[in-house]
Protein backbone atom coordinates (compact mmCIF):
# COMPACT_ATOMS: atom_id res chain seq x y z
CA UNK A 1 28.85 -32.11 -2.36
CA UNK A 2 28.77 -35.38 -0.47
CA UNK A 3 25.50 -37.06 0.42
CA UNK A 4 24.47 -35.97 3.90
CA UNK A 5 26.75 -32.90 3.82
CA UNK A 6 25.13 -29.86 5.42
CA UNK A 7 24.16 -26.97 3.20
CA UNK A 8 24.66 -23.61 4.88
CA UNK A 9 22.34 -20.63 4.58
CA UNK A 10 25.22 -18.69 3.02
CA UNK A 11 25.25 -21.11 0.07
CA UNK A 12 21.55 -20.73 -0.76
CA UNK A 13 20.56 -17.22 0.25
CA UNK A 14 19.76 -14.40 -2.14
CA UNK A 15 22.30 -11.63 -1.67
CA UNK A 16 20.46 -8.78 -3.38
CA UNK A 17 18.22 -7.74 -0.50
CA UNK A 18 16.21 -4.54 -0.43
CA UNK A 19 16.31 -2.87 2.97
CA UNK A 20 14.48 -0.04 4.64
CA UNK A 21 15.36 2.39 7.41
CA UNK A 22 13.25 2.48 10.58
CA UNK A 23 12.82 6.22 9.98
CA UNK A 24 11.38 5.81 6.48
CA UNK A 25 7.70 6.53 5.85
CA UNK A 26 5.46 3.53 5.21
CA UNK A 27 4.70 4.98 1.79
CA UNK A 28 8.41 4.71 0.92
CA UNK A 29 8.45 1.09 2.05
CA UNK A 30 5.37 0.27 -0.04
CA UNK A 31 7.03 1.89 -3.06
CA UNK A 32 10.13 -0.32 -2.54
CA UNK A 33 7.97 -3.42 -2.15
CA UNK A 34 6.13 -2.60 -5.36
CA UNK A 35 9.28 -1.73 -7.31
CA UNK A 36 11.16 -4.88 -6.32
CA UNK A 37 8.08 -7.15 -6.08
CA UNK A 38 8.78 -8.27 -2.51
CA UNK A 39 6.31 -8.72 0.32
CA UNK A 40 8.69 -7.87 3.15
CA UNK A 41 11.70 -5.69 3.85
CA UNK A 42 14.37 -6.11 6.51
CA UNK A 43 14.60 -3.00 8.67
CA UNK A 44 18.22 -2.04 9.25
CA UNK A 45 20.11 0.59 11.23
CA UNK A 46 22.48 3.08 9.61
CA UNK A 47 25.28 0.54 10.11
CA UNK A 48 23.33 -2.26 8.39
CA UNK A 49 22.40 -4.11 11.58
CA UNK A 50 19.10 -5.98 11.46
CA UNK A 51 16.50 -4.30 13.69
CA UNK A 52 13.24 -5.89 12.54
CA UNK A 53 11.21 -6.79 9.49
CA UNK A 54 8.35 -5.02 7.77
CA UNK A 55 5.79 -7.17 6.00
CA UNK A 56 2.71 -6.31 3.97
CA UNK A 57 0.68 -7.59 6.90
CA UNK A 58 2.49 -5.20 9.30
CA UNK A 59 1.56 -2.29 7.03
CA UNK A 60 -2.10 -3.27 6.81
CA UNK A 61 -2.26 -3.71 10.59
CA UNK A 62 -0.67 -0.28 11.08
CA UNK A 63 -3.28 1.28 8.83
CA UNK A 64 -6.08 -0.49 10.69
CA UNK A 65 -4.81 0.95 13.96
CA UNK A 66 -5.39 4.45 12.65
CA UNK A 67 -8.80 5.51 13.96
CA UNK A 68 -9.91 7.22 10.76
CA UNK A 69 -9.08 4.14 8.70
CA UNK A 70 -11.04 1.87 11.04
CA UNK A 71 -14.13 4.09 10.88
CA UNK A 72 -13.94 4.56 7.13
CA UNK A 73 -16.17 2.13 5.27
CA UNK A 74 -14.10 2.38 2.11
CA UNK A 75 -10.39 2.50 1.46
CA UNK A 76 -10.50 6.00 -0.04
CA UNK A 77 -9.05 7.76 3.01
CA UNK A 78 -6.19 5.30 3.63
CA UNK A 79 -3.87 7.21 1.31
CA UNK A 80 -4.55 10.40 3.26
CA UNK A 81 -3.75 8.89 6.68
CA UNK A 82 -1.03 10.75 8.55
CA UNK A 83 2.43 9.43 7.68
CA UNK A 84 3.51 6.45 9.73
CA UNK A 85 7.14 5.51 10.20
CA UNK A 86 8.45 2.02 9.50
CA UNK A 87 9.59 1.75 13.15
CA UNK A 88 5.94 2.09 14.25
CA UNK A 89 4.79 -0.83 12.10
CA UNK A 90 7.73 -3.25 11.87
CA UNK A 91 7.84 -6.60 13.63
CA UNK A 92 10.53 -6.92 16.27
CA UNK A 93 12.59 -8.75 17.00
CA UNK A 94 13.13 -10.18 13.55
CA UNK A 95 13.77 -13.88 13.40
CA UNK A 96 17.00 -14.62 11.55
CA UNK A 97 19.62 -17.26 10.92
CA UNK A 98 23.36 -16.82 10.91
CA UNK A 99 25.23 -17.36 7.65
CA UNK A 100 26.67 -20.69 8.80
CA UNK A 101 23.33 -22.15 9.86
CA UNK A 102 22.23 -25.45 8.34
CA UNK A 103 19.53 -24.82 5.75
CA UNK A 104 17.46 -27.69 7.16
CA UNK A 105 17.27 -26.01 10.57
CA UNK A 106 16.43 -22.70 8.87
CA UNK A 107 13.67 -24.47 6.92
CA UNK A 108 12.24 -25.96 10.11
CA UNK A 109 12.21 -22.54 11.78
CA UNK A 110 10.43 -21.08 8.76
CA UNK A 111 7.89 -23.91 8.80
CA UNK A 112 7.27 -23.70 12.56
CA UNK A 113 6.77 -19.93 12.47
CA UNK A 114 4.95 -19.72 9.13
CA UNK A 115 7.65 -17.55 7.55
CA UNK A 116 7.99 -17.02 3.83
CA UNK A 117 11.52 -15.76 4.19
CA UNK A 118 14.19 -15.34 6.84
CA UNK A 119 17.05 -12.84 6.94
CA UNK A 120 20.59 -14.21 7.01
CA UNK A 121 23.03 -12.24 9.14
CA UNK A 122 26.78 -12.16 9.69
CA UNK A 123 28.36 -12.65 13.11
CA UNK A 124 27.98 -8.93 13.84
CA UNK A 125 24.25 -8.95 12.92
CA UNK A 126 24.65 -7.24 9.55
CA UNK A 127 22.15 -8.52 7.03
CA UNK A 128 23.93 -10.27 4.18
CA UNK A 129 21.08 -12.10 2.50
CA UNK A 130 17.67 -13.66 2.73
CA UNK A 131 16.56 -17.26 2.48
CA UNK A 132 13.16 -17.80 0.84
CA UNK A 133 10.84 -20.80 0.93
CA UNK A 134 11.31 -21.29 -2.80
CA UNK A 135 15.10 -21.56 -2.32
CA UNK A 136 14.57 -24.32 0.21
CA UNK A 137 11.98 -26.10 -1.95
CA UNK A 138 14.25 -26.04 -4.99
CA UNK A 139 17.10 -27.55 -2.99
CA UNK A 140 14.76 -30.20 -1.61
CA UNK A 141 13.45 -31.24 -5.04
CA UNK A 142 16.98 -31.21 -6.47
CA UNK A 143 18.01 -33.68 -3.76
CA UNK A 144 20.40 -31.22 -2.11
CA UNK A 145 18.72 -31.39 1.30
């Protein structure tokens, strides 16, 4: 790689990305987050098109919107709250970058918006990866950016 050559999101993204359906229960999403040790999941349609993103914060905010959870002084009733669908809690629209985007511009977008990660999509909006802050930091400290 030549000095000053642009690094594309496609070159740095993680390709093993856990996804969740908008029709999944929040409990299913939390199980996936716990199993794969991630703090957010892209929400995708049946065809794999990015629809939104579900973060831990989105889930907590959804629980706080439930009247019984707000009135409860302890967390004991949270697990008994009526099931909530991912589509009711996810953030939309999801910010994303296309696979050919310059990693520096993706990093600036992440910094400006306070994002820990950003989905990478193909030209037809199918999610193909995710770019994390640590990926960008490693490239920066390795002198690749």
